[in-house]
Amino acid sequence: LLAEYGHLAAQLPGASRRHEAALQARLA
């Protein structure tokens, strides 16, 4: 879980708005 969290969080800075929303939902 921690590895996935870190992997997804690292994608946030370059994510499109749509992908950012999906990332934030999965991170939550």
mmCIF file of all heavy atoms, coordinates in Angstrom:
data_MODEL
# 
_entry.id   MODEL 
# 
loop_
_atom_site.group_PDB 
_atom_site.id 
_atom_site.type_symbol 
_atom_site.label_atom_id 
_atom_site.label_alt_id 
_atom_site.label_comp_id 
_atom_site.label_asym_id 
_atom_site.label_entity_id 
_atom_site.label_seq_id 
_atom_site.pdbx_PDB_ins_code 
_atom_site.Cartn_x 
_atom_site.Cartn_y 
_atom_site.Cartn_z 
_atom_site.occupancy 
_atom_site.B_iso_or_equiv 
_atom_site.pdbx_formal_charge 
_atom_site.auth_seq_id 
_atom_site.auth_comp_id 
_atom_site.auth_asym_id 
_atom_site.auth_atom_id 
_atom_site.pdbx_PDB_model_num 
ATOM 1   N N   . LEU A 1 1  ? 0.829   -1.208 0.000   1.00 0.00 ? 1  LEU A N   1 
ATOM 2   C CA  . LEU A 1 1  ? 0.000   0.000  0.000   1.00 0.00 ? 1  LEU A CA  1 
ATOM 3   C C   . LEU A 1 1  ? 0.863   1.258  0.000   1.00 0.00 ? 1  LEU A C   1 
ATOM 4   O O   . LEU A 1 1  ? 0.590   2.209  -0.737  1.00 0.00 ? 1  LEU A O   1 
ATOM 5   C CB  . LEU A 1 1  ? -0.928  0.004  1.217   1.00 0.00 ? 1  LEU A CB  1 
ATOM 6   C CG  . LEU A 1 1  ? -2.027  -1.052 1.233   1.00 0.00 ? 1  LEU A CG  1 
ATOM 7   C CD1 . LEU A 1 1  ? -2.703  -1.094 2.596   1.00 0.00 ? 1  LEU A CD1 1 
ATOM 8   C CD2 . LEU A 1 1  ? -3.035  -0.814 0.132   1.00 0.00 ? 1  LEU A CD2 1 
ATOM 9   N N   . LEU A 1 2  ? 1.910   1.256  0.817   1.00 0.00 ? 2  LEU A N   1 
ATOM 10  C CA  . LEU A 1 2  ? 2.795   2.427  0.883   1.00 0.00 ? 2  LEU A CA  1 
ATOM 11  C C   . LEU A 1 2  ? 3.539   2.644  -0.428  1.00 0.00 ? 2  LEU A C   1 
ATOM 12  O O   . LEU A 1 2  ? 3.708   3.788  -0.876  1.00 0.00 ? 2  LEU A O   1 
ATOM 13  C CB  . LEU A 1 2  ? 3.778   2.274  2.043   1.00 0.00 ? 2  LEU A CB  1 
ATOM 14  C CG  . LEU A 1 2  ? 3.162   2.357  3.441   1.00 0.00 ? 2  LEU A CG  1 
ATOM 15  C CD1 . LEU A 1 2  ? 4.179   1.944  4.497   1.00 0.00 ? 2  LEU A CD1 1 
ATOM 16  C CD2 . LEU A 1 2  ? 2.624   3.747  3.719   1.00 0.00 ? 2  LEU A CD2 1 
ATOM 17  N N   . ALA A 1 3  ? 3.965   1.558  -1.057  1.00 0.00 ? 3  ALA A N   1 
ATOM 18  C CA  . ALA A 1 3  ? 4.668   1.674  -2.341  1.00 0.00 ? 3  ALA A CA  1 
ATOM 19  C C   . ALA A 1 3  ? 3.742   2.237  -3.407  1.00 0.00 ? 3  ALA A C   1 
ATOM 20  O O   . ALA A 1 3  ? 4.136   3.122  -4.184  1.00 0.00 ? 3  ALA A O   1 
ATOM 21  C CB  . ALA A 1 3  ? 5.212   0.312  -2.762  1.00 0.00 ? 3  ALA A CB  1 
ATOM 22  N N   . GLU A 1 4  ? 2.508   1.746  -3.454  1.00 0.00 ? 4  GLU A N   1 
ATOM 23  C CA  . GLU A 1 4  ? 1.553   2.258  -4.441  1.00 0.00 ? 4  GLU A CA  1 
ATOM 24  C C   . GLU A 1 4  ? 1.258   3.730  -4.176  1.00 0.00 ? 4  GLU A C   1 
ATOM 25  O O   . GLU A 1 4  ? 1.188   4.541  -5.104  1.00 0.00 ? 4  GLU A O   1 
ATOM 26  C CB  . GLU A 1 4  ? 0.251   1.447  -4.413  1.00 0.00 ? 4  GLU A CB  1 
ATOM 27  C CG  . GLU A 1 4  ? -0.732  1.930  -5.471  1.00 0.00 ? 4  GLU A CG  1 
ATOM 28  C CD  . GLU A 1 4  ? -2.073  1.224  -5.461  1.00 0.00 ? 4  GLU A CD  1 
ATOM 29  O OE1 . GLU A 1 4  ? -2.267  0.282  -4.662  1.00 0.00 ? 4  GLU A OE1 1 
ATOM 30  O OE2 . GLU A 1 4  ? -2.931  1.621  -6.256  1.00 0.00 ? 4  GLU A OE2 1 
ATOM 31  N N   . TYR A 1 5  ? 1.091   4.080  -2.906  1.00 0.00 ? 5  TYR A N   1 
ATOM 32  C CA  . TYR A 1 5  ? 0.823   5.470  -2.542  1.00 0.00 ? 5  TYR A CA  1 
ATOM 33  C C   . TYR A 1 5  ? 1.954   6.383  -3.044  1.00 0.00 ? 5  TYR A C   1 
ATOM 34  O O   . TYR A 1 5  ? 1.708   7.414  -3.668  1.00 0.00 ? 5  TYR A O   1 
ATOM 35  C CB  . TYR A 1 5  ? 0.664   5.596  -1.028  1.00 0.00 ? 5  TYR A CB  1 
ATOM 36  C CG  . TYR A 1 5  ? 0.116   6.931  -0.585  1.00 0.00 ? 5  TYR A CG  1 
ATOM 37  C CD1 . TYR A 1 5  ? -1.233  7.087  -0.321  1.00 0.00 ? 5  TYR A CD1 1 
ATOM 38  C CD2 . TYR A 1 5  ? 0.952   8.038  -0.437  1.00 0.00 ? 5  TYR A CD2 1 
ATOM 39  C CE1 . TYR A 1 5  ? -1.745  8.310  0.074   1.00 0.00 ? 5  TYR A CE1 1 
ATOM 40  C CE2 . TYR A 1 5  ? 0.457   9.258  -0.043  1.00 0.00 ? 5  TYR A CE2 1 
ATOM 41  C CZ  . TYR A 1 5  ? -0.895  9.397  0.220   1.00 0.00 ? 5  TYR A CZ  1 
ATOM 42  O OH  . TYR A 1 5  ? -1.391  10.615 0.602   1.00 0.00 ? 5  TYR A OH  1 
ATOM 43  N N   . GLY A 1 6  ? 3.180   5.982  -2.761  1.00 0.00 ? 6  GLY A N   1 
ATOM 44  C CA  . GLY A 1 6  ? 4.324   6.783  -3.197  1.00 0.00 ? 6  GLY A CA  1 
ATOM 45  C C   . GLY A 1 6  ? 4.419   6.901  -4.705  1.00 0.00 ? 6  GLY A C   1 
ATOM 46  O O   . GLY A 1 6  ? 4.703   7.975  -5.244  1.00 0.00 ? 6  GLY A O   1 
ATOM 47  N N   . HIS A 1 7  ? 4.160   5.789  -5.389  1.00 0.00 ? 7  HIS A N   1 
ATOM 48  C CA  . HIS A 1 7  ? 4.210   5.777  -6.854  1.00 0.00 ? 7  HIS A CA  1 
ATOM 49  C C   . HIS A 1 7  ? 3.161   6.737  -7.437  1.00 0.00 ? 7  HIS A C   1 
ATOM 50  O O   . HIS A 1 7  ? 3.464   7.523  -8.339  1.00 0.00 ? 7  HIS A O   1 
ATOM 51  C CB  . HIS A 1 7  ? 3.981   4.353  -7.358  1.00 0.00 ? 7  HIS A CB  1 
ATOM 52  C CG  . HIS A 1 7  ? 3.859   4.241  -8.833  1.00 0.00 ? 7  HIS A CG  1 
ATOM 53  N ND1 . HIS A 1 7  ? 4.941   4.342  -9.679  1.00 0.00 ? 7  HIS A ND1 1 
ATOM 54  C CD2 . HIS A 1 7  ? 2.773   4.037  -9.624  1.00 0.00 ? 7  HIS A CD2 1 
ATOM 55  C CE1 . HIS A 1 7  ? 4.527   4.217  -10.931 1.00 0.00 ? 7  HIS A CE1 1 
ATOM 56  N NE2 . HIS A 1 7  ? 3.225   4.031  -10.926 1.00 0.00 ? 7  HIS A NE2 1 
ATOM 57  N N   . LEU A 1 8  ? 1.943   6.673  -6.917  1.00 0.00 ? 8  LEU A N   1 
ATOM 58  C CA  . LEU A 1 8  ? 0.881   7.531  -7.434  1.00 0.00 ? 8  LEU A CA  1 
ATOM 59  C C   . LEU A 1 8  ? 1.098   8.987  -7.049  1.00 0.00 ? 8  LEU A C   1 
ATOM 60  O O   . LEU A 1 8  ? 0.867   9.892  -7.862  1.00 0.00 ? 8  LEU A O   1 
ATOM 61  C CB  . LEU A 1 8  ? -0.481  7.043  -6.941  1.00 0.00 ? 8  LEU A CB  1 
ATOM 62  C CG  . LEU A 1 8  ? -0.912  5.666  -7.440  1.00 0.00 ? 8  LEU A CG  1 
ATOM 63  C CD1 . LEU A 1 8  ? -2.250  5.281  -6.831  1.00 0.00 ? 8  LEU A CD1 1 
ATOM 64  C CD2 . LEU A 1 8  ? -0.968  5.610  -8.957  1.00 0.00 ? 8  LEU A CD2 1 
ATOM 65  N N   . ALA A 1 9  ? 1.548   9.236  -5.825  1.00 0.00 ? 9  ALA A N   1 
ATOM 66  C CA  . ALA A 1 9  ? 1.787   10.614 -5.387  1.00 0.00 ? 9  ALA A CA  1 
ATOM 67  C C   . ALA A 1 9  ? 2.860   11.285 -6.239  1.00 0.00 ? 9  ALA A C   1 
ATOM 68  O O   . ALA A 1 9  ? 2.771   12.481 -6.527  1.00 0.00 ? 9  ALA A O   1 
ATOM 69  C CB  . ALA A 1 9  ? 2.175   10.636 -3.913  1.00 0.00 ? 9  ALA A CB  1 
ATOM 70  N N   . ALA A 1 10 ? 3.842   10.518 -6.680  1.00 0.00 ? 10 ALA A N   1 
ATOM 71  C CA  . ALA A 1 10 ? 4.909   11.075 -7.522  1.00 0.00 ? 10 ALA A CA  1 
ATOM 72  C C   . ALA A 1 10 ? 4.389   11.504 -8.891  1.00 0.00 ? 10 ALA A C   1 
ATOM 73  O O   . ALA A 1 10 ? 5.009   12.333 -9.560  1.00 0.00 ? 10 ALA A O   1 
ATOM 74  C CB  . ALA A 1 10 ? 6.029   10.047 -7.683  1.00 0.00 ? 10 ALA A CB  1 
ATOM 75  N N   . GLN A 1 11 ? 3.244   10.961 -9.307  1.00 0.00 ? 11 GLN A N   1 
ATOM 76  C CA  . GLN A 1 11 ? 2.666   11.315 -10.610 1.00 0.00 ? 11 GLN A CA  1 
ATOM 77  C C   . GLN A 1 11 ? 1.856   12.609 -10.568 1.00 0.00 ? 11 GLN A C   1 
ATOM 78  O O   . GLN A 1 11 ? 1.555   13.184 -11.613 1.00 0.00 ? 11 GLN A O   1 
ATOM 79  C CB  . GLN A 1 11 ? 1.756   10.185 -11.103 1.00 0.00 ? 11 GLN A CB  1 
ATOM 80  C CG  . GLN A 1 11 ? 2.486   8.906  -11.400 1.00 0.00 ? 11 GLN A CG  1 
ATOM 81  C CD  . GLN A 1 11 ? 1.523   7.815  -11.836 1.00 0.00 ? 11 GLN A CD  1 
ATOM 82  O OE1 . GLN A 1 11 ? 0.518   8.080  -12.488 1.00 0.00 ? 11 GLN A OE1 1 
ATOM 83  N NE2 . GLN A 1 11 ? 1.839   6.586  -11.473 1.00 0.00 ? 11 GLN A NE2 1 
ATOM 84  N N   . LEU A 1 12 ? 1.485   13.068 -9.384  1.00 0.00 ? 12 LEU A N   1 
ATOM 85  C CA  . LEU A 1 12 ? 0.610   14.238 -9.265  1.00 0.00 ? 12 LEU A CA  1 
ATOM 86  C C   . LEU A 1 12 ? 1.145   15.502 -9.939  1.00 0.00 ? 12 LEU A C   1 
ATOM 87  O O   . LEU A 1 12 ? 0.387   16.183 -10.633 1.00 0.00 ? 12 LEU A O   1 
ATOM 88  C CB  . LEU A 1 12 ? 0.298   14.530 -7.794  1.00 0.00 ? 12 LEU A CB  1 
ATOM 89  C CG  . LEU A 1 12 ? -0.824  13.715 -7.180  1.00 0.00 ? 12 LEU A CG  1 
ATOM 90  C CD1 . LEU A 1 12 ? -0.905  13.980 -5.685  1.00 0.00 ? 12 LEU A CD1 1 
ATOM 91  C CD2 . LEU A 1 12 ? -2.147  14.001 -7.849  1.00 0.00 ? 12 LEU A CD2 1 
ATOM 92  N N   . PRO A 1 13 ? 2.423   15.871 -9.756  1.00 0.00 ? 13 PRO A N   1 
ATOM 93  C CA  . PRO A 1 13 ? 2.873   17.148 -10.331 1.00 0.00 ? 13 PRO A CA  1 
ATOM 94  C C   . PRO A 1 13 ? 2.692   17.265 -11.850 1.00 0.00 ? 13 PRO A C   1 
ATOM 95  O O   . PRO A 1 13 ? 2.419   18.348 -12.347 1.00 0.00 ? 13 PRO A O   1 
ATOM 96  C CB  . PRO A 1 13 ? 4.355   17.211 -9.949  1.00 0.00 ? 13 PRO A CB  1 
ATOM 97  C CG  . PRO A 1 13 ? 4.463   16.367 -8.732  1.00 0.00 ? 13 PRO A CG  1 
ATOM 98  C CD  . PRO A 1 13 ? 3.470   15.257 -8.938  1.00 0.00 ? 13 PRO A CD  1 
ATOM 99  N N   . GLY A 1 14 ? 2.810   16.172 -12.587 1.00 0.00 ? 14 GLY A N   1 
ATOM 100 C CA  . GLY A 1 14 ? 2.697   16.252 -14.036 1.00 0.00 ? 14 GLY A CA  1 
ATOM 101 C C   . GLY A 1 14 ? 1.367   15.783 -14.590 1.00 0.00 ? 14 GLY A C   1 
ATOM 102 O O   . GLY A 1 14 ? 1.198   15.703 -15.810 1.00 0.00 ? 14 GLY A O   1 
ATOM 103 N N   . ALA A 1 15 ? 0.409   15.517 -13.733 1.00 0.00 ? 15 ALA A N   1 
ATOM 104 C CA  . ALA A 1 15 ? -0.864  14.938 -14.173 1.00 0.00 ? 15 ALA A CA  1 
ATOM 105 C C   . ALA A 1 15 ? -1.799  15.999 -14.746 1.00 0.00 ? 15 ALA A C   1 
ATOM 106 O O   . ALA A 1 15 ? -1.795  17.148 -14.312 1.00 0.00 ? 15 ALA A O   1 
ATOM 107 C CB  . ALA A 1 15 ? -1.544  14.238 -13.002 1.00 0.00 ? 15 ALA A CB  1 
ATOM 108 N N   . SER A 1 16 ? -2.590  15.581 -15.729 1.00 0.00 ? 16 SER A N   1 
ATOM 109 C CA  . SER A 1 16 ? -3.656  16.448 -16.234 1.00 0.00 ? 16 SER A CA  1 
ATOM 110 C C   . SER A 1 16 ? -4.699  16.598 -15.130 1.00 0.00 ? 16 SER A C   1 
ATOM 111 O O   . SER A 1 16 ? -4.718  15.832 -14.166 1.00 0.00 ? 16 SER A O   1 
ATOM 112 C CB  . SER A 1 16 ? -4.301  15.822 -17.473 1.00 0.00 ? 16 SER A CB  1 
ATOM 113 O OG  . SER A 1 16 ? -4.996  14.629 -17.119 1.00 0.00 ? 16 SER A OG  1 
ATOM 114 N N   . ARG A 1 17 ? -5.588  17.556 -15.278 1.00 0.00 ? 17 ARG A N   1 
ATOM 115 C CA  . ARG A 1 17 ? -6.612  17.764 -14.251 1.00 0.00 ? 17 ARG A CA  1 
ATOM 116 C C   . ARG A 1 17 ? -7.481  16.523 -14.072 1.00 0.00 ? 17 ARG A C   1 
ATOM 117 O O   . ARG A 1 17 ? -7.817  16.152 -12.957 1.00 0.00 ? 17 ARG A O   1 
ATOM 118 C CB  . ARG A 1 17 ? -7.494  18.955 -14.605 1.00 0.00 ? 17 ARG A CB  1 
ATOM 119 C CG  . ARG A 1 17 ? -6.790  20.263 -14.416 1.00 0.00 ? 17 ARG A CG  1 
ATOM 120 C CD  . ARG A 1 17 ? -7.714  21.405 -14.786 1.00 0.00 ? 17 ARG A CD  1 
ATOM 121 N NE  . ARG A 1 17 ? -6.943  22.620 -14.873 1.00 0.00 ? 17 ARG A NE  1 
ATOM 122 C CZ  . ARG A 1 17 ? -7.195  23.683 -14.149 1.00 0.00 ? 17 ARG A CZ  1 
ATOM 123 N NH1 . ARG A 1 17 ? -8.190  23.685 -13.309 1.00 0.00 ? 17 ARG A NH1 1 
ATOM 124 N NH2 . ARG A 1 17 ? -6.442  24.751 -14.271 1.00 0.00 ? 17 ARG A NH2 1 
ATOM 125 N N   . ARG A 1 18 ? -7.834  15.888 -15.163 1.00 0.00 ? 18 ARG A N   1 
ATOM 126 C CA  . ARG A 1 18 ? -8.686  14.700 -15.084 1.00 0.00 ? 18 ARG A CA  1 
ATOM 127 C C   . ARG A 1 18 ? -7.952  13.557 -14.394 1.00 0.00 ? 18 ARG A C   1 
ATOM 128 O O   . ARG A 1 18 ? -8.495  12.890 -13.524 1.00 0.00 ? 18 ARG A O   1 
ATOM 129 C CB  . ARG A 1 18 ? -9.132  14.286 -16.484 1.00 0.00 ? 18 ARG A CB  1 
ATOM 130 C CG  . ARG A 1 18 ? -10.247 13.279 -16.479 1.00 0.00 ? 18 ARG A CG  1 
ATOM 131 C CD  . ARG A 1 18 ? -10.797 13.100 -17.843 1.00 0.00 ? 18 ARG A CD  1 
ATOM 132 N NE  . ARG A 1 18 ? -10.025 12.045 -18.503 1.00 0.00 ? 18 ARG A NE  1 
ATOM 133 C CZ  . ARG A 1 18 ? -10.381 11.477 -19.620 1.00 0.00 ? 18 ARG A CZ  1 
ATOM 134 N NH1 . ARG A 1 18 ? -11.455 11.882 -20.253 1.00 0.00 ? 18 ARG A NH1 1 
ATOM 135 N NH2 . ARG A 1 18 ? -9.663  10.512 -20.136 1.00 0.00 ? 18 ARG A NH2 1 
ATOM 136 N N   . HIS A 1 19 ? -6.707  13.350 -14.775 1.00 0.00 ? 19 HIS A N   1 
ATOM 137 C CA  . HIS A 1 19 ? -5.920  12.279 -14.158 1.00 0.00 ? 19 HIS A CA  1 
ATOM 138 C C   . HIS A 1 19 ? -5.598  12.618 -12.702 1.00 0.00 ? 19 HIS A C   1 
ATOM 139 O O   . HIS A 1 19 ? -5.568  11.737 -11.853 1.00 0.00 ? 19 HIS A O   1 
ATOM 140 C CB  . HIS A 1 19 ? -4.645  12.026 -14.968 1.00 0.00 ? 19 HIS A CB  1 
ATOM 141 C CG  . HIS A 1 19 ? -3.930  10.779 -14.597 1.00 0.00 ? 19 HIS A CG  1 
ATOM 142 N ND1 . HIS A 1 19 ? -4.486  9.533  -14.757 1.00 0.00 ? 19 HIS A ND1 1 
ATOM 143 C CD2 . HIS A 1 19 ? -2.724  10.580 -14.044 1.00 0.00 ? 19 HIS A CD2 1 
ATOM 144 C CE1 . HIS A 1 19 ? -3.632  8.615  -14.326 1.00 0.00 ? 19 HIS A CE1 1 
ATOM 145 N NE2 . HIS A 1 19 ? -2.556  9.232  -13.885 1.00 0.00 ? 19 HIS A NE2 1 
ATOM 146 N N   . GLU A 1 20 ? -5.393  13.893 -12.415 1.00 0.00 ? 20 GLU A N   1 
ATOM 147 C CA  . GLU A 1 20 ? -5.123  14.315 -11.042 1.00 0.00 ? 20 GLU A CA  1 
ATOM 148 C C   . GLU A 1 20 ? -6.304  13.977 -10.130 1.00 0.00 ? 20 GLU A C   1 
ATOM 149 O O   . GLU A 1 20 ? -6.117  13.496 -9.010  1.00 0.00 ? 20 GLU A O   1 
ATOM 150 C CB  . GLU A 1 20 ? -4.847  15.822 -10.986 1.00 0.00 ? 20 GLU A CB  1 
ATOM 151 C CG  . GLU A 1 20 ? -4.572  16.337 -9.599  1.00 0.00 ? 20 GLU A CG  1 
ATOM 152 C CD  . GLU A 1 20 ? -4.340  17.838 -9.562  1.00 0.00 ? 20 GLU A CD  1 
ATOM 153 O OE1 . GLU A 1 20 ? -4.324  18.491 -10.614 1.00 0.00 ? 20 GLU A OE1 1 
ATOM 154 O OE2 . GLU A 1 20 ? -4.175  18.353 -8.443  1.00 0.00 ? 20 GLU A OE2 1 
ATOM 155 N N   . ALA A 1 21 ? -7.518  14.184 -10.613 1.00 0.00 ? 21 ALA A N   1 
ATOM 156 C CA  . ALA A 1 21 ? -8.705  13.858 -9.810  1.00 0.00 ? 21 ALA A CA  1 
ATOM 157 C C   . ALA A 1 21 ? -8.763  12.364 -9.513  1.00 0.00 ? 21 ALA A C   1 
ATOM 158 O O   . ALA A 1 21 ? -9.070  11.957 -8.389  1.00 0.00 ? 21 ALA A O   1 
ATOM 159 C CB  . ALA A 1 21 ? -9.969  14.314 -10.532 1.00 0.00 ? 21 ALA A CB  1 
ATOM 160 N N   . ALA A 1 22 ? -8.445  11.542 -10.504 1.00 0.00 ? 22 ALA A N   1 
ATOM 161 C CA  . ALA A 1 22 ? -8.440  10.088 -10.302 1.00 0.00 ? 22 ALA A CA  1 
ATOM 162 C C   . ALA A 1 22 ? -7.328  9.681  -9.336  1.00 0.00 ? 22 ALA A C   1 
ATOM 163 O O   . ALA A 1 22 ? -7.536  8.829  -8.474  1.00 0.00 ? 22 ALA A O   1 
ATOM 164 C CB  . ALA A 1 22 ? -8.275  9.370  -11.641 1.00 0.00 ? 22 ALA A CB  1 
ATOM 165 N N   . LEU A 1 23 ? -6.171  10.307 -9.490  1.00 0.00 ? 23 LEU A N   1 
ATOM 166 C CA  . LEU A 1 23 ? -5.065  10.009 -8.578  1.00 0.00 ? 23 LEU A CA  1 
ATOM 167 C C   . LEU A 1 23 ? -5.439  10.369 -7.147  1.00 0.00 ? 23 LEU A C   1 
ATOM 168 O O   . LEU A 1 23 ? -5.202  9.590  -6.219  1.00 0.00 ? 23 LEU A O   1 
ATOM 169 C CB  . LEU A 1 23 ? -3.801  10.771 -8.991  1.00 0.00 ? 23 LEU A CB  1 
ATOM 170 C CG  . LEU A 1 23 ? -3.055  10.260 -10.215 1.00 0.00 ? 23 LEU A CG  1 
ATOM 171 C CD1 . LEU A 1 23 ? -1.985  11.267 -10.637 1.00 0.00 ? 23 LEU A CD1 1 
ATOM 172 C CD2 . LEU A 1 23 ? -2.425  8.905  -9.940  1.00 0.00 ? 23 LEU A CD2 1 
ATOM 173 N N   . GLN A 1 24 ? -6.017  11.535 -6.960  1.00 0.00 ? 24 GLN A N   1 
ATOM 174 C CA  . GLN A 1 24 ? -6.366  11.958 -5.608  1.00 0.00 ? 24 GLN A CA  1 
ATOM 175 C C   . GLN A 1 24 ? -7.440  11.058 -5.005  1.00 0.00 ? 24 GLN A C   1 
ATOM 176 O O   . GLN A 1 24 ? -7.391  10.769 -3.800  1.00 0.00 ? 24 GLN A O   1 
ATOM 177 C CB  . GLN A 1 24 ? -6.785  13.420 -5.608  1.00 0.00 ? 24 GLN A CB  1 
ATOM 178 C CG  . GLN A 1 24 ? -5.598  14.323 -5.843  1.00 0.00 ? 24 GLN A CG  1 
ATOM 179 C CD  . GLN A 1 24 ? -5.909  15.792 -5.667  1.00 0.00 ? 24 GLN A CD  1 
ATOM 180 O OE1 . GLN A 1 24 ? -7.047  16.188 -5.459  1.00 0.00 ? 24 GLN A OE1 1 
ATOM 181 N NE2 . GLN A 1 24 ? -4.884  16.608 -5.740  1.00 0.00 ? 24 GLN A NE2 1 
ATOM 182 N N   . ALA A 1 25 ? -8.368  10.591 -5.819  1.00 0.00 ? 25 ALA A N   1 
ATOM 183 C CA  . ALA A 1 25 ? -9.387  9.668  -5.307  1.00 0.00 ? 25 ALA A CA  1 
ATOM 184 C C   . ALA A 1 25 ? -8.744  8.360  -4.854  1.00 0.00 ? 25 ALA A C   1 
ATOM 185 O O   . ALA A 1 25 ? -9.063  7.835  -3.787  1.00 0.00 ? 25 ALA A O   1 
ATOM 186 C CB  . ALA A 1 25 ? -10.447 9.411  -6.380  1.00 0.00 ? 25 ALA A CB  1 
ATOM 187 N N   . ARG A 1 26 ? -7.830  7.825  -5.660  1.00 0.00 ? 26 ARG A N   1 
ATOM 188 C CA  . ARG A 1 26 ? -7.162  6.577  -5.278  1.00 0.00 ? 26 ARG A CA  1 
ATOM 189 C C   . ARG A 1 26 ? -6.257  6.794  -4.071  1.00 0.00 ? 26 ARG A C   1 
ATOM 190 O O   . ARG A 1 26 ? -6.175  5.926  -3.184  1.00 0.00 ? 26 ARG A O   1 
ATOM 191 C CB  . ARG A 1 26 ? -6.364  6.019  -6.468  1.00 0.00 ? 26 ARG A CB  1 
ATOM 192 C CG  . ARG A 1 26 ? -5.617  4.741  -6.163  1.00 0.00 ? 26 ARG A CG  1 
ATOM 193 C CD  . ARG A 1 26 ? -6.526  3.600  -5.765  1.00 0.00 ? 26 ARG A CD  1 
ATOM 194 N NE  . ARG A 1 26 ? -5.750  2.391  -5.507  1.00 0.00 ? 26 ARG A NE  1 
ATOM 195 C CZ  . ARG A 1 26 ? -6.089  1.455  -4.650  1.00 0.00 ? 26 ARG A CZ  1 
ATOM 196 N NH1 . ARG A 1 26 ? -7.230  1.530  -4.006  1.00 0.00 ? 26 ARG A NH1 1 
ATOM 197 N NH2 . ARG A 1 26 ? -5.321  0.413  -4.462  1.00 0.00 ? 26 ARG A NH2 1 
ATOM 198 N N   . LEU A 1 27 ? -5.581  7.932  -3.993  1.00 0.00 ? 27 LEU A N   1 
ATOM 199 C CA  . LEU A 1 27 ? -4.730  8.219  -2.841  1.00 0.00 ? 27 LEU A CA  1 
ATOM 200 C C   . LEU A 1 27 ? -5.560  8.291  -1.563  1.00 0.00 ? 27 LEU A C   1 
ATOM 201 O O   . LEU A 1 27 ? -5.127  7.812  -0.512  1.00 0.00 ? 27 LEU A O   1 
ATOM 202 C CB  . LEU A 1 27 ? -3.948  9.518  -3.060  1.00 0.00 ? 27 LEU A CB  1 
ATOM 203 C CG  . LEU A 1 27 ? -2.828  9.439  -4.094  1.00 0.00 ? 27 LEU A CG  1 
ATOM 204 C CD1 . LEU A 1 27 ? -2.309  10.838 -4.420  1.00 0.00 ? 27 LEU A CD1 1 
ATOM 205 C CD2 . LEU A 1 27 ? -1.698  8.540  -3.627  1.00 0.00 ? 27 LEU A CD2 1 
ATOM 206 N N   . ALA A 1 28 ? -6.743  8.871  -1.637  1.00 0.00 ? 28 ALA A N   1 
ATOM 207 C CA  . ALA A 1 28 ? -7.621  8.926  -0.462  1.00 0.00 ? 28 ALA A CA  1 
ATOM 208 C C   . ALA A 1 28 ? -8.041  7.521  -0.043  1.00 0.00 ? 28 ALA A C   1 
ATOM 209 O O   . ALA A 1 28 ? -8.076  7.208  1.154   1.00 0.00 ? 28 ALA A O   1 
ATOM 210 C CB  . ALA A 1 28 ? -8.849  9.786  -0.765  1.00 0.00 ? 28 ALA A CB  1 
# 
